[in-house]
Amino acid sequence: MITGELKSQVDKIWEAFWTGGVSNPMTVIEQFTYLLFIRRLDERQLLEEKKANMIGGEVKNAFFTKEQRELRWNYFKNLESETMFNLFTKTTEDRPLTVFDHMKELGAKAGVFAQYMKGATFMIPTPKLLDQVVQMIDKIKMDDRDTKGDLYEYLLSKIASAGTNGQFRTPRHVIRMMVDMVQPKKDDVICDPSCGTAGFLVSTGEYLYENHDDWFMDQNFRDHFNNKMFNGLEFDNTMLRIGAMNLQLHGIENPELIGVDALSEANKITEKYSLILANPPFKGSLDYDGVEPSLLSVAKTKKTELLFLSLMLRMLKTGGRAAVIVPDGVLFGSSKAHKAIRQEIIEQHKLDAVISMPSGVFKPYAGVSTAVLFFTKTNSGGTDNVWFYDMEADGYSLDDKRAEIKNNDIPDIIARFRALPPSEGDKGGGTEQKRSRTDKSFLVPFDEIKANDWDLSINRYKEIVYEEIEYAPPAEIIADIKQLDKERTEALKELENLLG
């Protein structure tokens, strides 16, 4: 958990940027991220230098040569503000690179973050602001993975609260609910095809650290974790840099992040991943010419939320699982494309669950109602019963304030989902088989969903019990009103007498 001290440090840095003339939240996080990266580069080389001094030999994977000493954090942080600023903005004959240019030229050897530095721009406007921010960042203790990860997550939450960028809108507790439900496996290859700041991938890594720390004793698993397990697609280079930094600060050193529009012809990935977790954009509309043709063969549509479902089916291995947030319209939309994608998932694969979430989950950004779909790619059907859950509370108020409250269905959702019988067609097991349609969760058989034109709206199947209220006869109500009027008149007379 993030400490009050760390929050205070980040708040002060954020405030310094704003008072120093950098008011765009995305610019703040970009510049903050660049400085964090420059500090990390120096810390990594200092560690290598310490090892070399202890055992002898050359420094491996050096990011700075001896001639580049003044480009290092531990050197320029002690300079006067004007001199420091010049190191970031001006070159000389003896120094052909600025601190910022050097960072951009490091490439793959400095990690996945540095690979996406094309287009990065230094935008801190004054020597005073640069010096202020460098000194404040230098005071932050970043000795362990938890602290570094918490720091960055808190920074992202501040941008989310500014409400300026859609990529930040997935609430972290909803992401963690989805991860806890799918229970990532040791050999999973995980992808988010619209990864943004990599919240789903980060949460998966945290789940593994917290629940399977023994796996990290295995060298093969560590190699898999750091190099192959985590994959993301994102067309925005700024998001790629932020996502890469988020992953690295959470201890995932070399994720595979691909700068591509996931729905375009440039994305040729097929049957590569065993687990997909995502909240794809669902207010977009594309031209058919810009969409990879195989996606249109499942459902010919311009709607991104439907195209992403087609994409996930293509990118999953057979047996692969997906947990994806969709707008409610996907569940009951009556267009040919809406019905086609639902039928494809239910009839040709295995739809496991539909979690209906309240509309306030995405406030203050939007009041849209959403759901989470859980499905398994089988290519041979397998949907016996679909588990529905009507989430009414997620632990936060459903207004713009999103204040913490006691009511929270998420622990119940996770527990009930994990307790589902291995085969939902097995009538002998699982408490959910005994649940009625008036409960928050229940099972709906395949045949009933098919008969309802593949409709997945929970309101189609949920039964609501209305409590009968008996009212007094009209004559009795009128008599009561007359009696109240009489008592009011007598009270007014008594008050007049007291005042007289």
Protein backbone atom coordinates (compact mmCIF):
# COMPACT_ATOMS: atom_id res chain seq x y z
CA MET A 1 0.00 0.00 0.00
CA ILE A 2 1.18 3.50 -0.79
CA THR A 3 2.22 5.49 2.27
CA GLY A 4 1.11 8.97 3.18
CA GLU A 5 4.69 10.20 2.78
CA LEU A 6 4.94 8.87 -0.77
CA LYS A 7 1.58 10.40 -1.67
CA SER A 8 2.72 13.72 -0.29
CA GLN A 9 5.93 13.60 -2.33
CA VAL A 10 4.07 12.87 -5.55
CA ASP A 11 1.49 15.57 -4.78
CA LYS A 12 4.24 18.15 -4.33
CA ILE A 13 5.90 17.20 -7.61
CA TRP A 14 2.53 17.36 -9.37
CA GLU A 15 1.89 20.79 -7.87
CA ALA A 16 5.36 21.99 -8.88
CA PHE A 17 4.66 21.12 -12.52
CA TRP A 18 1.34 22.94 -12.46
CA THR A 19 2.66 26.08 -10.80
CA GLY A 20 5.69 25.93 -13.09
CA GLY A 21 3.52 26.22 -16.19
CA VAL A 22 3.02 22.54 -17.18
CA SER A 23 -0.73 22.12 -16.79
CA ASN A 24 -1.56 19.29 -19.19
CA PRO A 25 -1.79 16.10 -17.08
CA MET A 26 -0.43 13.93 -19.90
CA THR A 27 2.59 16.19 -20.24
CA VAL A 28 3.18 16.05 -16.49
CA ILE A 29 3.27 12.26 -16.43
CA GLU A 30 5.46 12.09 -19.54
CA GLN A 31 8.08 14.44 -18.10
CA PHE A 32 7.88 12.77 -14.68
CA THR A 33 8.36 9.39 -16.39
CA TYR A 34 11.40 10.56 -18.37
CA LEU A 35 13.10 11.81 -15.21
CA LEU A 36 12.30 8.58 -13.35
CA PHE A 37 13.84 6.63 -16.23
CA ILE A 38 16.99 8.77 -16.26
CA ARG A 39 17.36 8.21 -12.52
CA ARG A 40 16.85 4.45 -12.92
CA LEU A 41 19.49 4.26 -15.66
CA ASP A 42 22.08 5.81 -13.36
CA GLU A 43 21.06 3.59 -10.42
CA ARG A 44 21.35 0.48 -12.58
CA GLN A 45 24.82 1.47 -13.76
CA LEU A 46 25.91 2.34 -10.20
CA LEU A 47 24.88 -1.17 -9.16
CA GLU A 48 26.88 -2.71 -12.01
CA GLU A 49 29.88 -0.57 -11.10
CA LYS A 50 29.66 -1.71 -7.50
CA LYS A 51 29.62 -5.35 -8.65
CA ALA A 52 32.61 -4.77 -10.94
CA ASN A 53 34.58 -3.15 -8.10
CA MET A 54 33.87 -6.09 -5.81
CA ILE A 55 34.76 -8.91 -8.20
CA GLY A 56 36.95 -7.07 -10.69
CA GLY A 57 36.42 -6.77 -14.42
CA GLU A 58 34.52 -4.42 -16.69
CA VAL A 59 31.07 -2.97 -16.12
CA LYS A 60 28.48 -4.92 -18.10
CA ASN A 61 25.61 -3.20 -19.90
CA ALA A 62 26.93 0.30 -19.32
CA PHE A 63 24.53 3.08 -20.28
CA PHE A 64 27.10 5.86 -19.83
CA THR A 65 30.74 6.08 -20.90
CA LYS A 66 33.32 7.86 -18.76
CA GLU A 67 33.02 10.84 -21.09
CA GLN A 68 29.27 10.98 -20.42
CA ARG A 69 29.63 11.41 -16.68
CA GLU A 70 27.84 14.76 -16.65
CA LEU A 71 24.75 13.17 -18.23
CA ARG A 72 24.25 10.98 -15.16
CA TRP A 73 21.69 11.69 -12.46
CA ASN A 74 24.13 11.52 -9.55
CA TYR A 75 26.23 14.20 -11.26
CA PHE A 76 23.78 16.77 -12.63
CA LYS A 77 21.46 16.69 -9.59
CA ASN A 78 24.15 18.62 -7.67
CA LEU A 79 24.56 21.36 -10.28
CA GLU A 80 23.04 24.83 -10.28
CA SER A 81 19.71 25.02 -12.07
CA GLU A 82 20.96 26.88 -15.17
CA THR A 83 23.85 24.46 -15.70
CA MET A 84 21.54 21.46 -15.22
CA PHE A 85 19.00 22.88 -17.68
CA ASN A 86 21.72 23.38 -20.30
CA LEU A 87 22.66 19.71 -20.01
CA PHE A 88 19.08 18.84 -20.97
CA THR A 89 18.68 21.39 -23.76
CA LYS A 90 22.04 22.33 -25.31
CA THR A 91 24.95 20.47 -26.88
CA THR A 92 28.60 21.54 -27.07
CA GLU A 93 31.59 20.41 -29.11
CA ASP A 94 32.78 18.30 -26.20
CA ARG A 95 29.27 17.03 -25.46
CA PRO A 96 27.35 16.18 -28.67
CA LEU A 97 24.34 14.77 -26.76
CA THR A 98 22.01 16.28 -24.19
CA VAL A 99 20.76 14.22 -21.25
CA PHE A 100 17.47 13.81 -23.07
CA ASP A 101 18.99 12.90 -26.46
CA HIS A 102 21.22 10.31 -24.80
CA MET A 103 18.16 8.70 -23.18
CA LYS A 104 16.41 8.52 -26.57
CA GLU A 105 19.38 6.87 -28.30
CA LEU A 106 19.88 4.00 -25.86
CA GLY A 107 17.34 1.72 -27.55
CA ALA A 108 16.70 -1.90 -26.61
CA LYS A 109 19.69 -2.29 -24.28
CA ALA A 110 18.02 0.06 -21.79
CA GLY A 111 14.81 -1.97 -21.74
CA VAL A 112 11.41 -1.88 -23.38
CA PHE A 113 10.71 1.71 -22.28
CA ALA A 114 13.65 3.12 -24.26
CA GLN A 115 12.47 1.37 -27.43
CA TYR A 116 9.49 3.70 -27.66
CA MET A 117 11.28 7.00 -27.19
CA LYS A 118 10.75 8.09 -30.79
CA GLY A 119 8.73 11.29 -30.68
CA ALA A 120 9.53 11.97 -27.01
CA THR A 121 9.99 15.68 -26.30
CA PHE A 122 11.53 17.49 -23.36
CA MET A 123 8.89 20.00 -22.23
CA ILE A 124 10.03 21.34 -18.86
CA PRO A 125 10.13 25.07 -19.62
CA THR A 126 12.46 26.59 -17.00
CA PRO A 127 15.68 25.78 -15.14
CA LYS A 128 13.93 26.46 -11.82
CA LEU A 129 11.18 23.88 -12.46
CA LEU A 130 13.65 21.24 -13.66
CA ASP A 131 15.81 21.72 -10.57
CA GLN A 132 12.76 21.60 -8.28
CA VAL A 133 11.45 18.37 -9.78
CA VAL A 134 14.85 16.66 -9.92
CA GLN A 135 15.49 17.41 -6.24
CA MET A 136 12.03 16.12 -5.23
CA ILE A 137 12.32 12.95 -7.31
CA ASP A 138 15.77 12.34 -5.86
CA LYS A 139 14.31 12.26 -2.33
CA ILE A 140 11.82 9.50 -3.15
CA LYS A 141 12.97 6.15 -1.79
CA MET A 142 12.64 3.59 -4.55
CA ASP A 143 14.47 0.64 -3.02
CA ASP A 144 11.94 -2.09 -3.77
CA ARG A 145 9.39 -3.14 -6.38
CA ASP A 146 6.36 -2.41 -4.21
CA THR A 147 7.39 1.18 -3.56
CA LYS A 148 8.21 1.88 -7.20
CA GLY A 149 4.98 0.29 -8.37
CA ASP A 150 2.84 2.09 -5.80
CA LEU A 151 4.46 5.39 -6.74
CA TYR A 152 3.58 5.02 -10.40
CA GLU A 153 0.08 3.69 -9.78
CA TYR A 154 -0.64 6.70 -7.59
CA LEU A 155 0.68 8.99 -10.32
CA LEU A 156 -1.64 7.32 -12.84
CA SER A 157 -4.57 7.66 -10.45
CA LYS A 158 -3.97 11.40 -10.29
CA ILE A 159 -4.19 11.64 -14.04
CA ALA A 160 -7.34 9.55 -13.97
CA SER A 161 -8.88 11.99 -11.52
CA ALA A 162 -8.09 14.79 -13.97
CA GLY A 163 -10.43 13.00 -16.39
CA THR A 164 -8.48 13.83 -19.52
CA ASN A 165 -7.64 10.49 -21.06
CA GLY A 166 -9.80 7.43 -21.73
CA GLN A 167 -6.96 4.97 -21.19
CA PHE A 168 -7.06 5.61 -17.45
CA ARG A 169 -10.69 4.83 -16.87
CA THR A 170 -10.65 1.16 -15.87
CA PRO A 171 -10.97 1.11 -12.07
CA ARG A 172 -8.10 -0.86 -10.56
CA HIS A 173 -10.36 -2.85 -8.23
CA VAL A 174 -12.43 -4.03 -11.22
CA ILE A 175 -9.25 -5.08 -13.02
CA ARG A 176 -8.13 -7.00 -9.94
CA MET A 177 -11.55 -8.69 -9.68
CA MET A 178 -11.15 -9.97 -13.24
CA VAL A 179 -7.60 -11.19 -12.57
CA ASP A 180 -8.66 -12.93 -9.36
CA MET A 181 -11.46 -14.68 -11.22
CA VAL A 182 -9.33 -16.05 -14.08
CA GLN A 183 -6.47 -17.07 -11.71
CA PRO A 184 -3.51 -16.78 -14.15
CA LYS A 185 -1.50 -19.98 -14.56
CA LYS A 186 2.23 -20.56 -14.41
CA ASP A 187 2.59 -21.07 -18.16
CA ASP A 188 0.05 -18.48 -19.34
CA VAL A 189 1.00 -16.11 -22.15
CA ILE A 190 -1.11 -13.03 -21.38
CA CYS A 191 -2.16 -10.18 -23.65
CA ASP A 192 -4.11 -6.95 -23.51
CA PRO A 193 -4.80 -5.88 -27.13
CA SER A 194 -5.60 -2.30 -26.05
CA CYS A 195 -3.17 -2.06 -23.16
CA GLY A 196 -2.95 1.70 -22.51
CA THR A 197 -1.01 2.08 -19.26
CA ALA A 198 -0.84 -1.74 -18.88
CA GLY A 199 -3.13 -1.89 -15.85
CA PHE A 200 -4.32 -5.44 -16.58
CA LEU A 201 -0.77 -6.73 -17.09
CA VAL A 202 0.49 -5.01 -13.95
CA SER A 203 -2.38 -6.41 -11.88
CA THR A 204 -1.66 -9.90 -13.19
CA GLY A 205 1.99 -9.57 -12.16
CA GLU A 206 0.95 -8.43 -8.68
CA TYR A 207 -1.45 -11.39 -8.40
CA LEU A 208 1.41 -13.80 -9.16
CA TYR A 209 3.77 -12.14 -6.66
CA GLU A 210 1.10 -12.28 -3.95
CA ASN A 211 -0.28 -15.78 -4.58
CA HIS A 212 2.60 -17.75 -6.09
CA ASP A 213 5.84 -16.35 -4.72
CA ASP A 214 7.25 -19.91 -4.75
CA TRP A 215 7.10 -19.92 -8.58
CA PHE A 216 9.78 -17.20 -8.62
CA MET A 217 12.26 -19.70 -7.18
CA ASP A 218 12.18 -21.44 -10.57
CA GLN A 219 14.61 -19.92 -13.10
CA ASN A 220 12.48 -21.04 -16.05
CA PHE A 221 9.43 -19.29 -14.63
CA ARG A 222 11.40 -16.10 -13.93
CA ASP A 223 12.59 -16.06 -17.54
CA HIS A 224 9.02 -16.63 -18.74
CA PHE A 225 7.68 -13.93 -16.40
CA ASN A 226 10.18 -11.30 -17.49
CA ASN A 227 10.32 -11.99 -21.22
CA LYS A 228 7.30 -13.85 -22.63
CA MET A 229 4.38 -13.83 -20.22
CA PHE A 230 3.21 -10.22 -20.64
CA ASN A 231 2.17 -8.81 -24.00
CA GLY A 232 0.34 -5.67 -25.03
CA LEU A 233 -0.77 -3.90 -28.19
CA GLU A 234 -1.19 -0.13 -28.30
CA PHE A 235 -1.06 2.34 -31.20
CA ASP A 236 -0.30 5.45 -29.08
CA ASN A 237 3.45 5.83 -28.46
CA THR A 238 2.88 7.91 -25.34
CA MET A 239 0.77 5.12 -23.86
CA LEU A 240 3.42 2.56 -24.84
CA ARG A 241 6.08 4.49 -22.92
CA ILE A 242 3.87 4.92 -19.87
CA GLY A 243 2.79 1.27 -19.98
CA ALA A 244 6.40 0.10 -20.33
CA MET A 245 7.50 2.18 -17.35
CA ASN A 246 4.54 0.95 -15.29
CA LEU A 247 5.47 -2.68 -15.99
CA GLN A 248 9.17 -2.20 -15.31
CA LEU A 249 8.55 -0.41 -12.02
CA HIS A 250 6.33 -3.36 -11.03
CA GLY A 251 9.16 -5.80 -11.64
CA ILE A 252 8.31 -6.97 -15.17
CA GLU A 253 11.55 -6.21 -16.97
CA ASN A 254 11.02 -7.07 -20.62
CA PRO A 255 7.34 -7.28 -21.63
CA GLU A 256 6.51 -7.47 -25.32
CA LEU A 257 4.71 -4.26 -26.18
CA ILE A 258 3.83 -3.80 -29.82
CA GLY A 259 3.09 -0.38 -31.30
CA VAL A 260 0.24 -1.25 -33.66
CA ASP A 261 -3.47 -0.63 -34.15
CA ALA A 262 -4.79 -4.00 -32.98
CA LEU A 263 -7.72 -3.99 -35.44
CA SER A 264 -5.66 -3.07 -38.50
CA GLU A 265 -4.10 -5.30 -41.15
CA ALA A 266 -0.71 -4.61 -39.53
CA ASN A 267 -1.71 -6.92 -36.67
CA LYS A 268 -1.24 -10.47 -37.96
CA ILE A 269 -1.16 -12.21 -34.54
CA THR A 270 -3.11 -15.46 -34.53
CA GLU A 271 -3.54 -18.13 -31.81
CA LYS A 272 -0.64 -16.87 -29.72
CA TYR A 273 -2.07 -16.16 -26.26
CA SER A 274 -3.60 -18.34 -23.56
CA LEU A 275 -5.20 -15.49 -21.58
CA ILE A 276 -6.58 -12.12 -22.68
CA LEU A 277 -7.64 -9.42 -20.21
CA ALA A 278 -8.94 -6.17 -21.64
CA ASN A 279 -11.18 -3.13 -21.57
CA PRO A 280 -11.10 -2.19 -25.27
CA PRO A 281 -12.40 1.18 -26.49
CA PHE A 282 -16.11 0.97 -27.15
CA LYS A 283 -17.21 4.25 -28.59
CA GLY A 284 -15.31 4.06 -31.83
CA SER A 285 -16.37 3.32 -35.38
CA LEU A 286 -13.99 2.30 -38.15
CA ASP A 287 -14.14 2.14 -41.92
CA TYR A 288 -14.20 -1.40 -43.31
CA ASP A 289 -11.05 -0.64 -45.31
CA GLY A 290 -9.10 -0.07 -42.09
CA VAL A 291 -10.07 -3.38 -40.47
CA GLU A 292 -8.23 -6.69 -40.85
CA PRO A 293 -10.54 -8.81 -43.10
CA SER A 294 -10.63 -11.93 -40.89
CA LEU A 295 -12.36 -9.91 -38.15
CA LEU A 296 -15.19 -8.97 -40.48
CA SER A 297 -15.82 -12.62 -41.36
CA VAL A 298 -17.15 -13.23 -37.83
CA ALA A 299 -19.27 -10.08 -37.63
CA LYS A 300 -19.33 -7.46 -40.37
CA THR A 301 -19.42 -4.28 -38.34
CA LYS A 302 -17.70 -0.94 -37.85
CA LYS A 303 -18.15 -1.00 -34.07
CA THR A 304 -14.86 -1.41 -32.23
CA GLU A 305 -16.36 -3.28 -29.26
CA LEU A 306 -17.56 -6.07 -31.57
CA LEU A 307 -14.39 -6.11 -33.65
CA PHE A 308 -12.26 -6.53 -30.52
CA LEU A 309 -14.25 -9.62 -29.54
CA SER A 310 -13.58 -11.10 -32.99
CA LEU A 311 -9.92 -10.19 -32.58
CA MET A 312 -9.67 -11.92 -29.20
CA LEU A 313 -11.10 -15.13 -30.62
CA ARG A 314 -8.45 -14.99 -33.35
CA MET A 315 -5.54 -14.19 -31.03
CA LEU A 316 -6.37 -16.86 -28.43
CA LYS A 317 -4.96 -20.37 -28.61
CA THR A 318 -7.53 -23.16 -28.49
CA GLY A 319 -8.29 -23.54 -24.79
CA GLY A 320 -7.35 -19.93 -24.15
CA ARG A 321 -9.49 -17.78 -21.89
CA ALA A 322 -10.65 -14.17 -22.04
CA ALA A 323 -12.10 -11.67 -19.57
CA VAL A 324 -13.24 -8.49 -21.28
CA ILE A 325 -15.31 -5.44 -20.35
CA VAL A 326 -18.03 -4.58 -22.87
CA PRO A 327 -20.81 -1.99 -22.99
CA ASP A 328 -24.28 -3.35 -22.25
CA GLY A 329 -25.26 -2.90 -25.89
CA VAL A 330 -23.07 -5.87 -26.80
CA LEU A 331 -25.29 -8.07 -24.61
CA PHE A 332 -28.62 -7.24 -26.20
CA GLY A 333 -27.94 -5.29 -29.42
CA SER A 334 -30.35 -6.40 -32.14
CA SER A 335 -28.22 -5.76 -35.22
CA LYS A 336 -27.03 -8.68 -37.32
CA ALA A 337 -23.43 -8.11 -36.17
CA HIS A 338 -24.36 -8.01 -32.47
CA LYS A 339 -26.26 -11.30 -32.74
CA ALA A 340 -23.52 -12.90 -34.84
CA ILE A 341 -20.70 -12.26 -32.35
CA ARG A 342 -22.83 -13.45 -29.41
CA GLN A 343 -23.84 -16.58 -31.30
CA GLU A 344 -20.20 -17.23 -32.26
CA ILE A 345 -19.00 -17.07 -28.64
CA ILE A 346 -21.92 -19.06 -27.18
CA GLU A 347 -22.37 -21.70 -29.87
CA GLN A 348 -18.87 -22.22 -31.30
CA HIS A 349 -16.92 -21.61 -28.08
CA LYS A 350 -17.72 -21.62 -24.34
CA LEU A 351 -19.24 -18.60 -22.64
CA ASP A 352 -18.52 -19.00 -18.94
CA ALA A 353 -19.97 -15.93 -17.23
CA VAL A 354 -21.58 -12.51 -17.60
CA ILE A 355 -21.06 -10.03 -14.76
CA SER A 356 -23.46 -7.11 -15.08
CA MET A 357 -21.94 -3.99 -13.49
CA PRO A 358 -23.81 -0.86 -12.33
CA SER A 359 -23.60 2.24 -14.50
CA GLY A 360 -21.69 4.26 -11.87
CA VAL A 361 -18.56 2.08 -12.04
CA PHE A 362 -16.98 4.34 -14.68
CA LYS A 363 -17.94 7.65 -13.12
CA PRO A 364 -16.96 10.47 -13.12
CA TYR A 365 -15.99 9.91 -16.77
CA ALA A 366 -19.16 8.25 -18.01
CA GLY A 367 -22.37 6.73 -16.76
CA VAL A 368 -22.38 3.94 -19.31
CA SER A 369 -23.55 0.51 -18.14
CA THR A 370 -21.03 -2.27 -18.71
CA ALA A 371 -20.53 -5.97 -18.18
CA VAL A 372 -17.63 -8.40 -18.02
CA LEU A 373 -17.66 -11.41 -20.32
CA PHE A 374 -15.64 -14.53 -19.48
CA PHE A 375 -15.24 -17.03 -22.29
CA THR A 376 -12.99 -19.88 -23.45
CA LYS A 377 -11.97 -20.51 -27.05
CA THR A 378 -12.82 -24.11 -27.95
CA ASN A 379 -13.77 -24.08 -31.68
CA SER A 380 -16.18 -26.88 -30.75
CA GLY A 381 -18.81 -25.32 -28.49
CA GLY A 382 -19.13 -26.30 -24.85
CA THR A 383 -21.54 -23.73 -23.42
CA ASP A 384 -23.88 -25.69 -21.15
CA ASN A 385 -24.94 -23.04 -18.63
CA VAL A 386 -23.90 -19.39 -18.46
CA TRP A 387 -23.36 -17.94 -15.00
CA PHE A 388 -24.90 -14.49 -14.52
CA TYR A 389 -24.21 -12.12 -11.63
CA ASP A 390 -26.02 -8.84 -11.02
CA MET A 391 -23.38 -6.66 -9.35
CA GLU A 392 -25.13 -3.91 -7.38
CA ALA A 393 -22.15 -2.45 -5.47
CA ASP A 394 -18.39 -2.43 -6.04
CA GLY A 395 -17.26 -0.92 -2.74
CA TYR A 396 -17.60 2.70 -3.89
CA SER A 397 -20.49 5.11 -4.19
CA LEU A 398 -21.96 5.18 -7.69
CA ASP A 399 -21.91 8.97 -8.01
CA ASP A 400 -19.16 11.25 -9.31
CA LYS A 401 -17.36 11.23 -5.95
CA ARG A 402 -16.83 7.42 -5.90
CA ALA A 403 -16.26 7.44 -2.15
CA GLU A 404 -15.53 4.15 -0.36
CA ILE A 405 -18.61 2.38 1.09
CA LYS A 406 -19.20 -0.91 2.91
CA ASN A 407 -21.42 -2.54 0.27
CA ASN A 408 -19.26 -4.57 -2.07
CA ASP A 409 -20.30 -7.57 -4.19
CA ILE A 410 -16.81 -8.25 -5.55
CA PRO A 411 -15.65 -10.74 -2.86
CA ASP A 412 -18.91 -12.69 -3.34
CA ILE A 413 -18.48 -12.64 -7.14
CA ILE A 414 -14.94 -14.06 -6.91
CA ALA A 415 -15.89 -16.74 -4.37
CA ARG A 416 -18.97 -17.90 -6.29
CA PHE A 417 -17.20 -17.95 -9.65
CA ARG A 418 -14.38 -20.07 -8.25
CA ALA A 419 -16.91 -22.45 -6.71
CA LEU A 420 -18.67 -23.16 -10.01
CA PRO A 421 -18.54 -26.88 -10.84
CA PRO A 422 -15.87 -27.91 -13.38
CA SER A 423 -18.66 -28.77 -15.79
CA GLU A 424 -21.68 -26.52 -15.56
CA GLY A 425 -23.74 -29.30 -17.09
CA ASP A 426 -23.04 -31.44 -14.02
CA LYS A 427 -26.30 -31.07 -12.12
CA GLY A 428 -24.83 -32.76 -9.07
CA GLY A 429 -22.33 -30.09 -8.03
CA GLY A 430 -22.06 -26.43 -7.29
CA THR A 431 -24.21 -24.25 -5.08
CA GLU A 432 -25.09 -22.02 -8.05
CA GLN A 433 -27.26 -24.82 -9.46
CA LYS A 434 -29.61 -24.26 -6.52
CA ARG A 435 -29.85 -20.49 -6.89
CA SER A 436 -33.13 -19.03 -8.10
CA ARG A 437 -33.60 -16.31 -10.71
CA THR A 438 -34.42 -13.85 -7.92
CA ASP A 439 -30.88 -14.14 -6.45
CA LYS A 440 -27.93 -11.97 -7.45
CA SER A 441 -26.37 -14.91 -9.30
CA PHE A 442 -27.83 -17.85 -11.19
CA LEU A 443 -27.22 -20.18 -14.13
CA VAL A 444 -29.04 -19.98 -17.47
CA PRO A 445 -28.97 -22.99 -19.83
CA PHE A 446 -27.74 -22.77 -23.41
CA ASP A 447 -31.12 -23.63 -24.92
CA GLU A 448 -32.86 -20.76 -23.15
CA ILE A 449 -30.26 -18.25 -24.36
CA LYS A 450 -30.56 -19.59 -27.91
CA ALA A 451 -34.36 -19.29 -27.74
CA ASN A 452 -33.94 -15.66 -26.71
CA ASP A 453 -31.94 -14.86 -29.88
CA TRP A 454 -28.61 -15.08 -28.01
CA ASP A 455 -29.61 -12.21 -25.68
CA LEU A 456 -27.20 -11.90 -22.72
CA SER A 457 -28.91 -9.08 -20.84
CA ILE A 458 -29.38 -10.17 -17.22
CA ASN A 459 -32.79 -8.48 -17.14
CA ARG A 460 -33.97 -10.99 -19.74
CA TYR A 461 -33.51 -13.84 -17.24
CA LYS A 462 -33.64 -12.30 -13.77
CA GLU A 463 -36.93 -12.51 -11.89
CA ILE A 464 -37.95 -9.59 -9.70
CA VAL A 465 -40.23 -10.15 -6.74
CA TYR A 466 -42.51 -7.20 -6.08
CA GLU A 467 -43.75 -6.77 -2.54
CA GLU A 468 -47.48 -6.14 -2.39
CA ILE A 469 -48.37 -2.98 -0.50
CA GLU A 470 -51.85 -2.61 0.97
CA TYR A 471 -53.30 0.89 1.23
CA ALA A 472 -56.17 2.02 3.51
CA PRO A 473 -59.54 2.69 1.86
CA PRO A 474 -59.96 6.26 0.46
CA ALA A 475 -62.62 7.16 3.05
CA GLU A 476 -60.23 6.24 5.86
CA ILE A 477 -57.40 8.30 4.34
CA ILE A 478 -59.74 11.33 3.98
CA ALA A 479 -60.82 10.97 7.62
CA ASP A 480 -57.17 10.95 8.71
CA ILE A 481 -56.48 14.12 6.69
CA LYS A 482 -59.49 15.86 8.31
CA GLN A 483 -58.25 14.85 11.76
CA LEU A 484 -54.76 16.26 10.97
CA ASP A 485 -56.33 19.52 9.77
CA LYS A 486 -58.37 19.76 12.98
CA GLU A 487 -55.29 19.21 15.15
CA ARG A 488 -53.33 21.81 13.14
CA THR A 489 -56.11 24.41 13.56
CA GLU A 490 -56.28 23.81 17.33
CA ALA A 491 -52.49 24.12 17.61
CA LEU A 492 -52.53 27.47 15.76
CA LYS A 493 -55.28 28.80 18.06
CA GLU A 494 -53.28 27.74 21.14
CA LEU A 495 -50.20 29.51 19.76
CA GLU A 496 -52.22 32.73 19.16
CA ASN A 497 -53.50 32.68 22.74
CA LEU A 498 -49.96 32.32 24.07
CA LEU A 499 -48.74 35.26 21.97
CA GLY A 500 -51.81 37.39 22.91
